[in-house]
Amino acid sequence: MSRPLLAIDDLSVHYGAIRALHGISITVEDGEIVTLIGANGAGKSTTLRAVSALCRCSEGTITFDGRNLAGLRPHQVLRLGLAQVPEGRGIFPNLTVDENLDLGAFARKDAAAVASDRDRVFGLFPRLSERLSQRAGTLSGGEQQMLAIARALMARPRILLLDEPSLGLAPLIAQQIFGVIRDLNARDRLTVFLVEQNAFHALKLAHRAYVMVNGVITLTGTGRELLERPEVRAAYLEGGKDAAPAAPH
């Protein structure tokens, strides 16, 4: 059996005395879309931050393509091929669209391939090509999310880490973003690890999924299987946003 591209094993994270993650284990296979759903504050973003070396792990391991990521800095994790689109987009508002895209490719030396990738992201998000000289902070929320994803793609990652990409977006724009993620995976076999509160769209998109409650993984299965679980439907698909599915017996 081949090893997973990304493996999170028995991971715990503390913020001071507060334990945010309680020994979670998640795998992402090469070419998969894996989604992590859960209520606000469940620990989803902390999971991605740990993968990207933006917070320290108290216990457990994170390996990427067999390499232990312990002790690496965020820029070193990026160079290995993991690019994160953070919650809130994290663009540089005072820089232009063009400059933001350049920063996404800062570690690359292959100028011709970088130029090709710029054309590729403009194919995905034509609106960005029309706003190259515009300051990123003046873009709409949907355009800023497009820019954040495009900037991450300019690093030519092996795995794209997405933290709440639909947050604050109009439904039609959110659907467009999810469509781009689906296309990137289907056409380019880009591996995606998605953290998302919009459980319906996230589970429809995912090959496999995990449910997190208070820093603990309580359910796992294919996206379709979790869509059909009554406790998932009750907690995340039928208006019960504050409810949480119990751990299986």
C-alpha atoms as a PDB file:
ATOM      1  CA  MET A   1       0.000   0.000   0.000  1.00  0.00           C
ATOM      2  CA  SER A   2       1.398   3.398  -0.967  1.00  0.00           C
ATOM      3  CA  ARG A   3       2.010   5.951   1.739  1.00  0.00           C
ATOM      4  CA  PRO A   4      -0.290   8.990   1.914  1.00  0.00           C
ATOM      5  CA  LEU A   5       0.976  12.294   0.562  1.00  0.00           C
ATOM      6  CA  LEU A   6       0.079  14.008   3.847  1.00  0.00           C
ATOM      7  CA  ALA A   7      -0.202  12.140   7.137  1.00  0.00           C
ATOM      8  CA  ILE A   8      -1.231  13.722  10.443  1.00  0.00           C
ATOM      9  CA  ASP A   9      -0.709  11.197  13.221  1.00  0.00           C
ATOM     10  CA  ASP A  10      -1.888  11.576  16.834  1.00  0.00           C
ATOM     11  CA  LEU A  11      -1.489  15.354  16.652  1.00  0.00           C
ATOM     12  CA  SER A  12      -2.085  17.594  19.652  1.00  0.00           C
ATOM     13  CA  VAL A  13      -1.727  21.380  19.783  1.00  0.00           C
ATOM     14  CA  HIS A  14      -1.904  23.641  22.824  1.00  0.00           C
ATOM     15  CA  TYR A  15      -2.413  27.377  23.066  1.00  0.00           C
ATOM     16  CA  GLY A  16      -0.980  27.943  26.512  1.00  0.00           C
ATOM     17  CA  ALA A  17      -3.021  25.792  28.876  1.00  0.00           C
ATOM     18  CA  ILE A  18      -5.787  25.292  26.303  1.00  0.00           C
ATOM     19  CA  ARG A  19      -5.632  22.082  24.290  1.00  0.00           C
ATOM     20  CA  ALA A  20      -6.958  22.847  20.822  1.00  0.00           C
ATOM     21  CA  LEU A  21      -6.343  19.449  19.184  1.00  0.00           C
ATOM     22  CA  HIS A  22      -6.608  16.111  20.978  1.00  0.00           C
ATOM     23  CA  GLY A  23      -4.523  13.474  19.222  1.00  0.00           C
ATOM     24  CA  ILE A  24      -6.106  13.713  15.769  1.00  0.00           C
ATOM     25  CA  SER A  25      -5.108  11.554  12.806  1.00  0.00           C
ATOM     26  CA  ILE A  26      -5.867  12.466   9.166  1.00  0.00           C
ATOM     27  CA  THR A  27      -4.480  11.227   5.860  1.00  0.00           C
ATOM     28  CA  VAL A  28      -4.614  12.796   2.407  1.00  0.00           C
ATOM     29  CA  GLU A  29      -3.715  10.613  -0.564  1.00  0.00           C
ATOM     30  CA  ASP A  30      -2.090  11.971  -3.701  1.00  0.00           C
ATOM     31  CA  GLY A  31      -4.807  13.274  -6.052  1.00  0.00           C
ATOM     32  CA  GLU A  32      -7.562  13.408  -3.417  1.00  0.00           C
ATOM     33  CA  ILE A  33      -9.806  16.159  -2.158  1.00  0.00           C
ATOM     34  CA  VAL A  34     -10.131  15.655   1.593  1.00  0.00           C
ATOM     35  CA  THR A  35     -12.309  17.983   3.624  1.00  0.00           C
ATOM     36  CA  LEU A  36     -12.454  18.695   7.339  1.00  0.00           C
ATOM     37  CA  ILE A  37     -15.774  20.054   8.566  1.00  0.00           C
ATOM     38  CA  GLY A  38     -16.929  21.203  11.964  1.00  0.00           C
ATOM     39  CA  ALA A  39     -18.450  24.094  13.849  1.00  0.00           C
ATOM     40  CA  ASN A  40     -16.643  27.376  14.365  1.00  0.00           C
ATOM     41  CA  GLY A  41     -13.899  26.906  16.962  1.00  0.00           C
ATOM     42  CA  ALA A  42     -13.696  23.136  16.524  1.00  0.00           C
ATOM     43  CA  GLY A  43      -9.967  23.242  15.710  1.00  0.00           C
ATOM     44  CA  LYS A  44     -10.093  23.060  11.918  1.00  0.00           C
ATOM     45  CA  SER A  45      -7.929  26.112  11.243  1.00  0.00           C
ATOM     46  CA  THR A  46      -5.465  25.027  13.933  1.00  0.00           C
ATOM     47  CA  THR A  47      -5.030  21.777  12.012  1.00  0.00           C
ATOM     48  CA  LEU A  48      -4.037  23.634   8.850  1.00  0.00           C
ATOM     49  CA  ARG A  49      -1.816  26.025  10.775  1.00  0.00           C
ATOM     50  CA  ALA A  50       0.021  23.055  12.266  1.00  0.00           C
ATOM     51  CA  VAL A  51       0.566  21.536   8.814  1.00  0.00           C
ATOM     52  CA  SER A  52       1.957  24.840   7.544  1.00  0.00           C
ATOM     53  CA  ALA A  53       4.224  25.242  10.609  1.00  0.00           C
ATOM     54  CA  LEU A  54       2.344  28.357  11.698  1.00  0.00           C
ATOM     55  CA  CYS A  55       1.811  26.877  15.151  1.00  0.00           C
ATOM     56  CA  ARG A  56       3.766  24.340  17.172  1.00  0.00           C
ATOM     57  CA  CYS A  57       2.698  20.743  17.707  1.00  0.00           C
ATOM     58  CA  SER A  58       2.653  19.515  21.309  1.00  0.00           C
ATOM     59  CA  GLU A  59       2.518  15.830  20.384  1.00  0.00           C
ATOM     60  CA  GLY A  60       2.311  13.677  17.288  1.00  0.00           C
ATOM     61  CA  THR A  61       3.791  13.941  13.808  1.00  0.00           C
ATOM     62  CA  ILE A  62       3.011  15.484  10.438  1.00  0.00           C
ATOM     63  CA  THR A  63       4.684  13.938   7.400  1.00  0.00           C
ATOM     64  CA  PHE A  64       4.569  15.053   3.788  1.00  0.00           C
ATOM     65  CA  ASP A  65       5.567  12.538   1.139  1.00  0.00           C
ATOM     66  CA  GLY A  66       7.290  10.580   3.909  1.00  0.00           C
ATOM     67  CA  ARG A  67       9.223  13.545   5.313  1.00  0.00           C
ATOM     68  CA  ASN A  68       8.650  14.610   8.893  1.00  0.00           C
ATOM     69  CA  LEU A  69       7.829  18.331   8.974  1.00  0.00           C
ATOM     70  CA  ALA A  70       8.922  18.768  12.594  1.00  0.00           C
ATOM     71  CA  GLY A  71      11.185  21.758  13.098  1.00  0.00           C
ATOM     72  CA  LEU A  72      10.580  23.312   9.695  1.00  0.00           C
ATOM     73  CA  ARG A  73       9.656  26.967   9.229  1.00  0.00           C
ATOM     74  CA  PRO A  74       6.640  28.039   7.134  1.00  0.00           C
ATOM     75  CA  HIS A  75       8.765  29.053   4.121  1.00  0.00           C
ATOM     76  CA  GLN A  76      10.476  25.671   4.191  1.00  0.00           C
ATOM     77  CA  VAL A  77       7.136  23.869   4.221  1.00  0.00           C
ATOM     78  CA  LEU A  78       6.059  25.975   1.234  1.00  0.00           C
ATOM     79  CA  ARG A  79       9.191  25.031  -0.689  1.00  0.00           C
ATOM     80  CA  LEU A  80       8.354  21.357  -0.175  1.00  0.00           C
ATOM     81  CA  GLY A  81       5.102  21.884  -2.054  1.00  0.00           C
ATOM     82  CA  LEU A  82       2.436  22.780   0.507  1.00  0.00           C
ATOM     83  CA  ALA A  83       0.688  26.103  -0.148  1.00  0.00           C
ATOM     84  CA  GLN A  84      -2.000  27.459   2.165  1.00  0.00           C
ATOM     85  CA  VAL A  85      -4.820  29.868   1.408  1.00  0.00           C
ATOM     86  CA  PRO A  86      -5.530  31.201   4.904  1.00  0.00           C
ATOM     87  CA  GLU A  87      -8.875  32.083   6.408  1.00  0.00           C
ATOM     88  CA  GLY A  88      -9.523  35.740   5.654  1.00  0.00           C
ATOM     89  CA  ARG A  89      -7.474  35.411   2.412  1.00  0.00           C
ATOM     90  CA  GLY A  90      -4.254  36.969   3.703  1.00  0.00           C
ATOM     91  CA  ILE A  91      -3.562  38.997   0.590  1.00  0.00           C
ATOM     92  CA  PHE A  92      -1.320  42.081   0.690  1.00  0.00           C
ATOM     93  CA  PRO A  93      -3.907  44.862   0.367  1.00  0.00           C
ATOM     94  CA  ASN A  94      -1.486  47.671  -0.488  1.00  0.00           C
ATOM     95  CA  LEU A  95       0.159  45.712  -3.291  1.00  0.00           C
ATOM     96  CA  THR A  96      -1.323  45.284  -6.734  1.00  0.00           C
ATOM     97  CA  VAL A  97      -2.832  42.067  -8.032  1.00  0.00           C
ATOM     98  CA  ASP A  98       0.281  41.662 -10.169  1.00  0.00           C
ATOM     99  CA  GLU A  99       2.607  42.081  -7.179  1.00  0.00           C
ATOM    100  CA  ASN A 100       0.602  39.603  -5.085  1.00  0.00           C
ATOM    101  CA  LEU A 101       0.949  37.003  -7.828  1.00  0.00           C
ATOM    102  CA  ASP A 102       4.689  37.669  -8.059  1.00  0.00           C
ATOM    103  CA  LEU A 103       5.006  37.002  -4.323  1.00  0.00           C
ATOM    104  CA  GLY A 104       3.293  33.659  -4.791  1.00  0.00           C
ATOM    105  CA  ALA A 105       6.132  32.600  -7.095  1.00  0.00           C
ATOM    106  CA  PHE A 106       8.956  34.165  -5.055  1.00  0.00           C
ATOM    107  CA  ALA A 107      10.746  30.836  -4.470  1.00  0.00           C
ATOM    108  CA  ARG A 108      10.727  29.779  -8.117  1.00  0.00           C
ATOM    109  CA  LYS A 109      13.491  30.315 -10.668  1.00  0.00           C
ATOM    110  CA  ASP A 110      11.760  28.794 -13.723  1.00  0.00           C
ATOM    111  CA  ALA A 111      10.682  32.045 -15.411  1.00  0.00           C
ATOM    112  CA  ALA A 112       9.028  30.427 -18.421  1.00  0.00           C
ATOM    113  CA  ALA A 113       6.978  28.087 -16.238  1.00  0.00           C
ATOM    114  CA  VAL A 114       6.024  30.981 -13.951  1.00  0.00           C
ATOM    115  CA  ALA A 115       4.740  32.926 -16.966  1.00  0.00           C
ATOM    116  CA  SER A 116       2.785  29.853 -18.068  1.00  0.00           C
ATOM    117  CA  ASP A 117       1.255  29.513 -14.607  1.00  0.00           C
ATOM    118  CA  ARG A 118       0.186  33.165 -14.662  1.00  0.00           C
ATOM    119  CA  ASP A 119      -1.709  32.476 -17.882  1.00  0.00           C
ATOM    120  CA  ARG A 120      -3.216  29.416 -16.230  1.00  0.00           C
ATOM    121  CA  VAL A 121      -4.556  31.322 -13.220  1.00  0.00           C
ATOM    122  CA  PHE A 122      -5.950  33.996 -15.519  1.00  0.00           C
ATOM    123  CA  GLY A 123      -7.801  31.193 -17.303  1.00  0.00           C
ATOM    124  CA  LEU A 124      -9.258  30.131 -13.961  1.00  0.00           C
ATOM    125  CA  PHE A 125      -9.994  33.684 -12.807  1.00  0.00           C
ATOM    126  CA  PRO A 126     -10.282  35.991 -15.853  1.00  0.00           C
ATOM    127  CA  ARG A 127     -11.282  38.893 -13.637  1.00  0.00           C
ATOM    128  CA  LEU A 128      -7.777  39.034 -12.157  1.00  0.00           C
ATOM    129  CA  SER A 129      -6.217  39.687 -15.564  1.00  0.00           C
ATOM    130  CA  GLU A 130      -8.434  42.771 -15.841  1.00  0.00           C
ATOM    131  CA  ARG A 131      -7.234  44.111 -12.484  1.00  0.00           C
ATOM    132  CA  LEU A 132      -3.479  43.530 -12.580  1.00  0.00           C
ATOM    133  CA  SER A 133      -2.566  47.096 -11.653  1.00  0.00           C
ATOM    134  CA  GLN A 134      -5.333  47.474  -9.060  1.00  0.00           C
ATOM    135  CA  ARG A 135      -4.468  47.404  -5.374  1.00  0.00           C
ATOM    136  CA  ALA A 136      -5.641  44.111  -3.889  1.00  0.00           C
ATOM    137  CA  GLY A 137      -7.375  45.795  -0.970  1.00  0.00           C
ATOM    138  CA  THR A 138      -9.815  47.497  -3.341  1.00  0.00           C
ATOM    139  CA  LEU A 139     -11.049  44.209  -4.842  1.00  0.00           C
ATOM    140  CA  SER A 140     -14.393  42.712  -3.882  1.00  0.00           C
ATOM    141  CA  GLY A 141     -14.421  39.873  -1.373  1.00  0.00           C
ATOM    142  CA  GLY A 142     -14.872  37.297  -4.109  1.00  0.00           C
ATOM    143  CA  GLU A 143     -12.032  38.768  -6.162  1.00  0.00           C
ATOM    144  CA  GLN A 144      -9.766  38.760  -3.122  1.00  0.00           C
ATOM    145  CA  GLN A 145     -10.492  35.056  -2.584  1.00  0.00           C
ATOM    146  CA  MET A 146      -9.709  34.390  -6.253  1.00  0.00           C
ATOM    147  CA  LEU A 147      -6.430  36.260  -5.816  1.00  0.00           C
ATOM    148  CA  ALA A 148      -5.546  34.318  -2.663  1.00  0.00           C
ATOM    149  CA  ILE A 149      -6.050  30.998  -4.466  1.00  0.00           C
ATOM    150  CA  ALA A 150      -4.225  32.223  -7.580  1.00  0.00           C
ATOM    151  CA  ARG A 151      -1.278  33.410  -5.470  1.00  0.00           C
ATOM    152  CA  ALA A 152      -1.034  29.977  -3.818  1.00  0.00           C
ATOM    153  CA  LEU A 153      -1.171  28.267  -7.216  1.00  0.00           C
ATOM    154  CA  MET A 154       1.745  30.406  -8.402  1.00  0.00           C
ATOM    155  CA  ALA A 155       3.918  28.393  -5.999  1.00  0.00           C
ATOM    156  CA  ARG A 156       2.983  25.309  -8.062  1.00  0.00           C
ATOM    157  CA  PRO A 157       2.101  23.295  -4.937  1.00  0.00           C
ATOM    158  CA  ARG A 158       1.723  19.543  -4.709  1.00  0.00           C
ATOM    159  CA  ILE A 159      -1.040  20.044  -2.159  1.00  0.00           C
ATOM    160  CA  LEU A 160      -3.315  23.062  -1.737  1.00  0.00           C
ATOM    161  CA  LEU A 161      -4.465  23.817   1.813  1.00  0.00           C
ATOM    162  CA  LEU A 162      -7.685  25.842   1.829  1.00  0.00           C
ATOM    163  CA  ASP A 163      -9.055  27.416   5.009  1.00  0.00           C
ATOM    164  CA  GLU A 164     -12.720  28.449   4.702  1.00  0.00           C
ATOM    165  CA  PRO A 165     -12.583  29.567   1.048  1.00  0.00           C
ATOM    166  CA  SER A 166     -16.326  30.337   0.937  1.00  0.00           C
ATOM    167  CA  LEU A 167     -16.360  32.455   4.100  1.00  0.00           C
ATOM    168  CA  GLY A 168     -18.213  35.735   3.588  1.00  0.00           C
ATOM    169  CA  LEU A 169     -18.852  35.142  -0.111  1.00  0.00           C
ATOM    170  CA  ALA A 170     -22.145  35.418  -1.965  1.00  0.00           C
ATOM    171  CA  PRO A 171     -23.533  31.947  -2.820  1.00  0.00           C
ATOM    172  CA  LEU A 172     -22.861  32.269  -6.546  1.00  0.00           C
ATOM    173  CA  ILE A 173     -19.245  33.304  -5.968  1.00  0.00           C
ATOM    174  CA  ALA A 174     -18.777  30.483  -3.466  1.00  0.00           C
ATOM    175  CA  GLN A 175     -20.083  27.999  -6.041  1.00  0.00           C
ATOM    176  CA  GLN A 176     -17.606  29.396  -8.559  1.00  0.00           C
ATOM    177  CA  ILE A 177     -14.739  28.922  -6.102  1.00  0.00           C
ATOM    178  CA  PHE A 178     -15.783  25.331  -5.375  1.00  0.00           C
ATOM    179  CA  GLY A 179     -16.032  24.710  -9.124  1.00  0.00           C
ATOM    180  CA  VAL A 180     -12.458  25.893  -9.629  1.00  0.00           C
ATOM    181  CA  ILE A 181     -11.265  23.589  -6.834  1.00  0.00           C
ATOM    182  CA  ARG A 182     -13.061  20.653  -8.481  1.00  0.00           C
ATOM    183  CA  ASP A 183     -11.543  21.484 -11.872  1.00  0.00           C
ATOM    184  CA  LEU A 184      -8.014  21.804 -10.477  1.00  0.00           C
ATOM    185  CA  ASN A 185      -8.336  18.382  -8.916  1.00  0.00           C
ATOM    186  CA  ALA A 186      -9.964  16.689 -11.911  1.00  0.00           C
ATOM    187  CA  ARG A 187      -7.840  18.263 -14.635  1.00  0.00           C
ATOM    188  CA  ASP A 188      -4.475  18.710 -12.923  1.00  0.00           C
ATOM    189  CA  ARG A 189      -4.799  16.042 -10.195  1.00  0.00           C
ATOM    190  CA  LEU A 190      -3.978  18.736  -7.652  1.00  0.00           C
ATOM    191  CA  THR A 191      -4.327  17.338  -4.148  1.00  0.00           C
ATOM    192  CA  VAL A 192      -6.538  19.474  -1.902  1.00  0.00           C
ATOM    193  CA  PHE A 193      -7.016  19.549   1.882  1.00  0.00           C
ATOM    194  CA  LEU A 194     -10.060  21.708   2.511  1.00  0.00           C
ATOM    195  CA  VAL A 195     -11.292  23.141   5.814  1.00  0.00           C
ATOM    196  CA  GLU A 196     -14.816  24.452   5.399  1.00  0.00           C
ATOM    197  CA  GLN A 197     -17.941  25.344   7.379  1.00  0.00           C
ATOM    198  CA  ASN A 198     -20.173  25.036   4.312  1.00  0.00           C
ATOM    199  CA  ALA A 199     -20.608  21.316   4.877  1.00  0.00           C
ATOM    200  CA  PHE A 200     -22.970  20.686   1.970  1.00  0.00           C
ATOM    201  CA  HIS A 201     -20.626  21.979  -0.733  1.00  0.00           C
ATOM    202  CA  ALA A 202     -17.521  20.644   0.993  1.00  0.00           C
ATOM    203  CA  LEU A 203     -18.878  17.104   1.295  1.00  0.00           C
ATOM    204  CA  LYS A 204     -20.185  17.123  -2.273  1.00  0.00           C
ATOM    205  CA  LEU A 205     -16.688  18.067  -3.408  1.00  0.00           C
ATOM    206  CA  ALA A 206     -14.693  15.663  -1.234  1.00  0.00           C
ATOM    207  CA  HIS A 207     -13.483  12.172  -1.969  1.00  0.00           C
ATOM    208  CA  ARG A 208     -13.136  11.651   1.783  1.00  0.00           C
ATOM    209  CA  ALA A 209     -14.042  13.751   4.788  1.00  0.00           C
ATOM    210  CA  TYR A 210     -13.569  14.103   8.518  1.00  0.00           C
ATOM    211  CA  VAL A 211     -15.829  15.703  11.135  1.00  0.00           C
ATOM    212  CA  MET A 212     -14.141  17.554  13.995  1.00  0.00           C
ATOM    213  CA  VAL A 213     -15.822  18.422  17.294  1.00  0.00           C
ATOM    214  CA  ASN A 214     -13.899  20.281  20.008  1.00  0.00           C
ATOM    215  CA  GLY A 215     -10.510  19.256  18.661  1.00  0.00           C
ATOM    216  CA  VAL A 216     -11.426  15.588  18.212  1.00  0.00           C
ATOM    217  CA  ILE A 217     -12.158  13.664  14.996  1.00  0.00           C
ATOM    218  CA  THR A 218     -15.575  12.082  15.577  1.00  0.00           C
ATOM    219  CA  LEU A 219     -16.539  10.776  12.136  1.00  0.00           C
ATOM    220  CA  THR A 220     -14.822   9.892   8.886  1.00  0.00           C
ATOM    221  CA  GLY A 221     -15.932   8.457   5.565  1.00  0.00           C
ATOM    222  CA  THR A 222     -16.438   9.390   1.943  1.00  0.00           C
ATOM    223  CA  GLY A 223     -18.046  12.724   1.242  1.00  0.00           C
ATOM    224  CA  ARG A 224     -21.199  10.958   0.058  1.00  0.00           C
ATOM    225  CA  GLU A 225     -21.349   8.761   3.162  1.00  0.00           C
ATOM    226  CA  LEU A 226     -21.149  11.721   5.516  1.00  0.00           C
ATOM    227  CA  LEU A 227     -23.757  13.635   3.519  1.00  0.00           C
ATOM    228  CA  GLU A 228     -26.143  10.785   4.232  1.00  0.00           C
ATOM    229  CA  ARG A 229     -25.345  10.427   7.946  1.00  0.00           C
ATOM    230  CA  PRO A 230     -28.364  11.688   9.932  1.00  0.00           C
ATOM    231  CA  GLU A 231     -26.214  13.223  12.675  1.00  0.00           C
ATOM    232  CA  VAL A 232     -24.195  15.175  10.098  1.00  0.00           C
ATOM    233  CA  ARG A 233     -27.356  16.329   8.353  1.00  0.00           C
ATOM    234  CA  ALA A 234     -28.867  17.441  11.656  1.00  0.00           C
ATOM    235  CA  ALA A 235     -25.752  19.306  12.790  1.00  0.00           C
ATOM    236  CA  TYR A 236     -24.540  20.904   9.575  1.00  0.00           C
ATOM    237  CA  LEU A 237     -27.130  20.617   6.792  1.00  0.00           C
ATOM    238  CA  GLU A 238     -30.472  21.389   8.410  1.00  0.00           C
ATOM    239  CA  GLY A 239     -29.833  24.602  10.285  1.00  0.00           C
ATOM    240  CA  GLY A 240     -28.443  23.080  13.477  1.00  0.00           C
ATOM    241  CA  LYS A 241     -25.178  25.002  13.288  1.00  0.00           C
ATOM    242  CA  ASP A 242     -24.481  24.796  16.992  1.00  0.00           C
ATOM    243  CA  ALA A 243     -25.156  21.088  17.221  1.00  0.00           C
ATOM    244  CA  ALA A 244     -22.373  18.555  16.842  1.00  0.00           C
ATOM    245  CA  PRO A 245     -22.503  14.891  15.887  1.00  0.00           C
ATOM    246  CA  ALA A 246     -21.521  12.581  18.680  1.00  0.00           C
ATOM    247  CA  ALA A 247     -18.591  10.230  18.381  1.00  0.00           C
ATOM    248  CA  PRO A 248     -19.619   6.849  16.980  1.00  0.00           C
ATOM    249  CA  HIS A 249     -19.926   3.991  19.460  1.00  0.00           C
END
